[in-house]
Amino acid sequence: MFTLAQLTSFVTVAEELHFTRAAERLNMTQPPLSRQIQLLENELGVQLLDRTNRSVRLTPAGRAFLVEARRILRQSEHATLAVRRVSTGEAGALSVGFTAASAYSALGDLLQTARAALPGVEILLQELVTRDQLKALGQGSLDLGLIRPSATGPDLTCRPIVREGLLAALPARHPLAEVGGPVRIGDLDGQDFLMYSPIEARYFYELLISVFRAAQVRPVYTQYLTQVHTILNLVNGGWGIALVPEAAAQTRYGGIVFRQVTLPDPRPVELDLVWRRGNDNPALEALLRRL
């Protein structure tokens, strides 16, 4: 099989139609250049150049092969550049997990950063609860996660990316929705309340339990749910009230009123970036440098 060096030698001679000038372009002497052409012709089994003491010209086979040789060299150059871009994180693919609630805030900023700084990297999104993201990270099927704080284990690294407050999501006709200003946590005592699942949404469940316990508030839990958008749909239908991350107010529900909630910690909700130590995907390192 011919080599890229032989193709480069042939294309250069074909363009110069002069062995001495072609050798100068390639920073080599004429005998090795002639040898490269001979090896290429022997490999192909055809004569590519008619050469005499006074002139060099392409044979019909040489003219046809020149088109293919240039195409092969271009493809080789493109492949080399592509591999280099992957190795520096400028190309390739990156799998990113996110929770439904993170889609309201941090996910959009992350995607905007990736699109602007790494346009050659394909982002593969997976909507997963925190528990499933941690499992996927451990298995290597996920490069980066957007999770709620959780015990992650020694093989994972976490970095806080967002802190935000809680909003009361109220049916539009609820008495608390008609009162201007923030909702006091004590106002939720005895109210029908849409609560987070203690299993699938453990972070929010434990957060609200601690808030209610500290305030000695006892809402009436009517449903235990996992996803914020599901909770908001039920609030919109008048099934109860809920506490949601403030970014959820970006949603548009005609039947929901969002109110600030007075809490000792005004921004108790945290969202973290998490990734597996030892992940050798260059696109991950390139993105983390920009976040």
Protein backbone atom coordinates (compact mmCIF):
# COMPACT_ATOMS: atom_id res chain seq x y z
CA MET A 1 0.00 0.00 0.00
CA PHE A 2 1.26 3.46 -0.82
CA THR A 3 2.07 5.91 1.94
CA LEU A 4 1.10 9.51 2.59
CA ALA A 5 4.74 10.47 2.06
CA GLN A 6 4.61 8.96 -1.44
CA LEU A 7 1.37 10.80 -2.23
CA THR A 8 2.84 14.09 -0.99
CA SER A 9 5.92 13.55 -3.14
CA PHE A 10 3.83 12.80 -6.21
CA VAL A 11 1.49 15.78 -5.77
CA THR A 12 4.45 18.14 -5.28
CA VAL A 13 6.20 16.88 -8.42
CA ALA A 14 2.92 17.05 -10.36
CA GLU A 15 2.47 20.67 -9.35
CA GLU A 16 6.06 21.73 -10.07
CA LEU A 17 6.70 19.42 -13.03
CA HIS A 18 10.32 19.69 -11.98
CA PHE A 19 12.11 17.30 -9.61
CA THR A 20 14.65 19.80 -8.31
CA ARG A 21 12.04 22.43 -7.41
CA ALA A 22 9.78 19.74 -5.88
CA ALA A 23 12.68 18.44 -3.76
CA GLU A 24 13.37 21.98 -2.53
CA ARG A 25 9.73 22.41 -1.51
CA LEU A 26 9.87 19.17 0.44
CA ASN A 27 13.25 19.97 2.03
CA MET A 28 14.83 16.83 0.65
CA THR A 29 17.32 15.87 -2.04
CA GLN A 30 16.28 14.67 -5.48
CA PRO A 31 17.33 10.97 -5.27
CA PRO A 32 15.01 10.12 -2.32
CA LEU A 33 12.19 12.00 -4.06
CA SER A 34 12.67 10.00 -7.23
CA ARG A 35 12.69 6.84 -5.13
CA GLN A 36 9.32 7.77 -3.56
CA ILE A 37 7.77 8.22 -7.02
CA GLN A 38 9.18 4.89 -8.21
CA LEU A 39 7.78 3.07 -5.17
CA LEU A 40 4.37 4.65 -5.75
CA GLU A 41 4.33 3.68 -9.43
CA ASN A 42 5.41 0.13 -8.55
CA GLU A 43 2.63 -0.10 -5.98
CA LEU A 44 0.00 1.14 -8.42
CA GLY A 45 1.39 -0.78 -11.39
CA VAL A 46 1.15 2.26 -13.69
CA GLN A 47 3.42 5.05 -14.88
CA LEU A 48 2.37 8.40 -13.45
CA LEU A 49 5.06 10.66 -14.92
CA ASP A 50 6.86 10.90 -18.24
CA ARG A 51 10.28 12.22 -17.43
CA THR A 52 13.21 13.06 -19.65
CA ASN A 53 16.38 15.04 -19.06
CA ARG A 54 14.53 18.19 -20.13
CA SER A 55 10.94 17.82 -18.95
CA VAL A 56 8.46 16.13 -16.64
CA ARG A 57 4.79 15.69 -17.53
CA LEU A 58 1.84 13.75 -16.21
CA THR A 59 0.61 10.65 -18.01
CA PRO A 60 -3.19 10.19 -18.41
CA ALA A 61 -3.06 7.86 -15.40
CA GLY A 62 -1.05 10.48 -13.52
CA ARG A 63 -3.62 13.18 -14.21
CA ALA A 64 -6.43 10.94 -12.95
CA PHE A 65 -4.47 9.86 -9.89
CA LEU A 66 -3.56 13.46 -8.99
CA VAL A 67 -7.22 14.19 -8.24
CA GLU A 68 -7.46 11.16 -5.94
CA ALA A 69 -4.11 11.82 -4.30
CA ARG A 70 -5.15 15.37 -3.38
CA ARG A 71 -8.46 14.09 -2.01
CA ILE A 72 -6.71 11.48 0.15
CA LEU A 73 -4.26 14.05 1.52
CA ARG A 74 -7.13 16.43 2.37
CA GLN A 75 -8.98 13.65 4.18
CA SER A 76 -5.82 12.75 6.07
CA GLU A 77 -5.37 16.37 7.13
CA HIS A 78 -8.99 16.64 8.23
CA ALA A 79 -8.71 13.41 10.21
CA THR A 80 -5.55 14.63 11.92
CA LEU A 81 -7.17 17.93 12.86
CA ALA A 82 -10.28 16.14 14.12
CA VAL A 83 -8.25 13.82 16.35
CA ARG A 84 -6.27 16.75 17.72
CA ARG A 85 -9.48 18.64 18.49
CA VAL A 86 -10.85 15.63 20.35
CA SER A 87 -7.64 15.32 22.35
CA THR A 88 -7.89 18.98 23.44
CA GLY A 89 -11.61 18.78 24.23
CA GLU A 90 -12.63 20.98 21.28
CA ALA A 91 -14.54 18.13 19.64
CA GLY A 92 -16.15 14.85 20.61
CA ALA A 93 -19.16 14.16 22.81
CA LEU A 94 -20.09 14.84 26.42
CA SER A 95 -22.98 13.15 28.25
CA VAL A 96 -24.66 15.42 30.81
CA GLY A 97 -27.27 14.37 33.34
CA PHE A 98 -29.71 16.79 34.90
CA THR A 99 -32.67 16.82 37.24
CA ALA A 100 -35.97 18.26 36.08
CA ALA A 101 -35.63 21.21 38.46
CA SER A 102 -32.12 22.04 37.21
CA ALA A 103 -33.54 22.48 33.70
CA TYR A 104 -35.16 25.70 34.90
CA SER A 105 -31.85 27.38 35.76
CA ALA A 106 -28.36 25.90 35.67
CA LEU A 107 -28.80 23.63 32.65
CA GLY A 108 -29.51 26.51 30.30
CA ASP A 109 -26.41 28.41 31.43
CA LEU A 110 -24.26 25.29 31.13
CA LEU A 111 -25.47 24.59 27.58
CA GLN A 112 -24.93 28.19 26.56
CA THR A 113 -21.35 28.07 27.84
CA ALA A 114 -20.68 24.77 26.07
CA ARG A 115 -22.16 26.02 22.79
CA ALA A 116 -20.13 29.23 22.86
CA ALA A 117 -16.80 27.81 24.03
CA LEU A 118 -16.92 24.27 22.58
CA PRO A 119 -19.09 24.36 19.44
CA GLY A 120 -17.52 21.15 18.16
CA VAL A 121 -18.58 19.11 21.19
CA GLU A 122 -21.87 17.24 20.99
CA ILE A 123 -23.82 17.43 24.27
CA LEU A 124 -25.90 14.32 25.03
CA LEU A 125 -28.56 15.11 27.65
CA GLN A 126 -30.15 12.65 30.06
CA GLU A 127 -32.91 13.67 32.49
CA LEU A 128 -32.33 11.62 35.64
CA VAL A 129 -32.99 12.02 39.35
CA THR A 130 -29.89 12.46 41.50
CA ARG A 131 -29.76 8.81 42.56
CA ASP A 132 -29.77 7.57 38.96
CA GLN A 133 -27.17 10.14 37.93
CA LEU A 134 -24.79 8.91 40.62
CA LYS A 135 -25.27 5.36 39.40
CA ALA A 136 -24.62 6.36 35.76
CA LEU A 137 -21.51 8.32 36.76
CA GLY A 138 -20.17 5.30 38.60
CA GLN A 139 -20.81 3.08 35.58
CA GLY A 140 -19.13 5.55 33.21
CA SER A 141 -22.23 6.15 31.08
CA LEU A 142 -22.42 9.79 32.25
CA ASP A 143 -19.62 12.37 32.14
CA LEU A 144 -21.15 15.19 34.15
CA GLY A 145 -24.18 15.51 36.41
CA LEU A 146 -26.31 18.32 37.79
CA ILE A 147 -27.46 16.95 41.12
CA ARG A 148 -28.80 17.95 44.49
CA PRO A 149 -26.26 17.57 47.33
CA SER A 150 -25.85 13.93 48.15
CA ALA A 151 -23.31 11.49 49.56
CA THR A 152 -21.29 10.84 46.41
CA GLY A 153 -18.47 8.53 47.45
CA PRO A 154 -14.68 8.71 47.07
CA ASP A 155 -14.64 8.36 43.27
CA LEU A 156 -16.72 11.49 42.57
CA THR A 157 -15.97 15.21 42.74
CA CYS A 158 -18.64 17.83 43.49
CA ARG A 159 -18.67 21.57 42.90
CA PRO A 160 -21.55 23.86 43.95
CA ILE A 161 -22.91 25.74 40.95
CA VAL A 162 -26.20 27.34 42.07
CA ARG A 163 -27.85 28.39 45.31
CA GLU A 164 -31.42 29.64 45.24
CA GLY A 165 -34.43 30.29 47.43
CA LEU A 166 -37.78 28.57 47.78
CA LEU A 167 -41.06 29.92 46.44
CA ALA A 168 -44.57 29.06 47.53
CA ALA A 169 -46.54 27.83 44.51
CA LEU A 170 -50.20 28.60 45.25
CA PRO A 171 -53.42 27.95 43.36
CA ALA A 172 -54.53 31.34 42.04
CA ARG A 173 -57.71 31.30 44.17
CA HIS A 174 -55.99 30.21 47.38
CA PRO A 175 -56.33 32.75 50.25
CA LEU A 176 -52.53 33.00 50.57
CA ALA A 177 -52.30 33.94 46.89
CA GLU A 178 -54.50 36.95 47.48
CA VAL A 179 -52.22 38.37 50.16
CA GLY A 180 -49.44 40.59 48.86
CA GLY A 181 -45.86 40.11 50.00
CA PRO A 182 -43.93 37.04 51.15
CA VAL A 183 -45.55 33.97 52.67
CA ARG A 184 -44.50 33.14 56.23
CA ILE A 185 -43.54 29.53 56.81
CA GLY A 186 -46.07 29.42 59.66
CA ASP A 187 -48.85 30.14 57.14
CA LEU A 188 -48.39 26.62 55.78
CA ASP A 189 -49.48 24.95 59.02
CA GLY A 190 -52.49 22.72 58.37
CA GLN A 191 -52.53 23.47 54.62
CA ASP A 192 -53.00 20.79 51.96
CA PHE A 193 -49.45 20.35 50.74
CA LEU A 194 -47.87 18.54 47.77
CA MET A 195 -44.74 16.95 49.21
CA TYR A 196 -41.63 15.50 47.58
CA SER A 197 -41.02 11.77 47.59
CA PRO A 198 -38.72 10.64 50.43
CA ILE A 199 -37.09 8.16 48.00
CA GLU A 200 -36.90 9.64 44.48
CA ALA A 201 -36.71 13.29 45.67
CA ARG A 202 -34.93 12.73 48.95
CA TYR A 203 -33.00 16.02 48.93
CA PHE A 204 -36.11 18.23 48.73
CA TYR A 205 -38.02 15.97 51.12
CA GLU A 206 -35.36 16.24 53.82
CA LEU A 207 -34.91 19.97 53.21
CA LEU A 208 -38.59 20.73 53.71
CA ILE A 209 -38.94 18.38 56.66
CA SER A 210 -36.11 20.25 58.42
CA VAL A 211 -37.67 23.63 57.57
CA PHE A 212 -41.10 22.57 58.88
CA ARG A 213 -39.66 20.96 61.99
CA ALA A 214 -37.67 24.08 62.87
CA ALA A 215 -40.78 26.24 62.45
CA GLN A 216 -43.06 23.67 64.20
CA VAL A 217 -45.26 23.64 61.11
CA ARG A 218 -47.36 20.63 60.14
CA PRO A 219 -48.83 20.76 56.64
CA VAL A 220 -51.23 18.06 55.50
CA TYR A 221 -49.38 16.00 52.89
CA THR A 222 -51.83 15.04 50.15
CA GLN A 223 -49.37 13.54 47.63
CA TYR A 224 -45.70 12.53 47.53
CA LEU A 225 -44.19 13.38 44.13
CA THR A 226 -40.83 13.32 42.40
CA GLN A 227 -40.68 15.99 39.69
CA VAL A 228 -41.21 19.72 40.10
CA HIS A 229 -43.22 20.00 36.88
CA THR A 230 -45.61 17.31 38.14
CA ILE A 231 -46.07 19.18 41.41
CA LEU A 232 -46.76 22.41 39.54
CA ASN A 233 -49.35 20.72 37.35
CA LEU A 234 -51.20 19.57 40.47
CA VAL A 235 -50.95 23.02 42.07
CA ASN A 236 -52.38 24.43 38.87
CA GLY A 237 -55.26 22.00 39.20
CA GLY A 238 -55.98 23.16 42.74
CA TRP A 239 -54.76 20.01 44.54
CA GLY A 240 -52.73 21.91 47.13
CA ILE A 241 -49.79 24.22 47.63
CA ALA A 242 -46.06 23.47 47.29
CA LEU A 243 -42.60 24.85 47.86
CA VAL A 244 -40.43 24.84 44.72
CA PRO A 245 -37.01 26.23 43.72
CA GLU A 246 -37.32 29.85 42.68
CA ALA A 247 -36.17 29.08 39.14
CA ALA A 248 -39.44 27.17 38.68
CA ALA A 249 -41.19 30.54 38.49
CA GLN A 250 -39.97 30.69 34.88
CA THR A 251 -42.79 28.31 34.02
CA ARG A 252 -46.07 29.82 32.91
CA TYR A 253 -49.21 28.52 34.60
CA GLY A 254 -52.30 30.72 34.51
CA GLY A 255 -53.61 29.06 37.66
CA ILE A 256 -50.49 29.45 39.85
CA VAL A 257 -49.26 32.40 41.90
CA PHE A 258 -45.65 32.32 43.13
CA ARG A 259 -44.78 34.03 46.42
CA GLN A 260 -41.47 34.47 48.23
CA VAL A 261 -41.17 32.49 51.47
CA THR A 262 -39.61 33.98 54.59
CA LEU A 263 -36.92 31.57 55.82
CA PRO A 264 -33.87 31.86 58.14
CA ASP A 265 -31.70 30.83 55.18
CA PRO A 266 -32.88 32.81 52.14
CA ARG A 267 -31.14 30.45 49.68
CA PRO A 268 -31.35 26.92 51.09
CA VAL A 269 -31.55 25.08 47.74
CA GLU A 270 -28.21 23.94 46.32
CA LEU A 271 -27.32 22.41 42.97
CA ASP A 272 -23.94 20.76 42.36
CA LEU A 273 -21.85 19.70 39.41
CA VAL A 274 -20.51 16.19 39.87
CA TRP A 275 -18.12 14.06 37.83
CA ARG A 276 -16.06 10.91 38.26
CA ARG A 277 -12.40 11.26 39.13
CA GLY A 278 -10.23 9.74 36.44
CA ASN A 279 -12.68 10.46 33.63
CA ASP A 280 -10.38 10.84 30.61
CA ASN A 281 -12.85 12.61 28.31
CA PRO A 282 -10.96 15.79 27.23
CA ALA A 283 -14.28 17.56 26.55
CA LEU A 284 -15.17 17.25 30.24
CA GLU A 285 -11.97 18.96 31.36
CA ALA A 286 -12.39 21.64 28.70
CA LEU A 287 -15.94 22.42 29.84
CA LEU A 288 -15.07 22.42 33.55
CA ARG A 289 -12.37 25.01 32.91
CA ARG A 290 -15.04 27.34 31.57
CA LEU A 291 -17.66 26.87 34.28
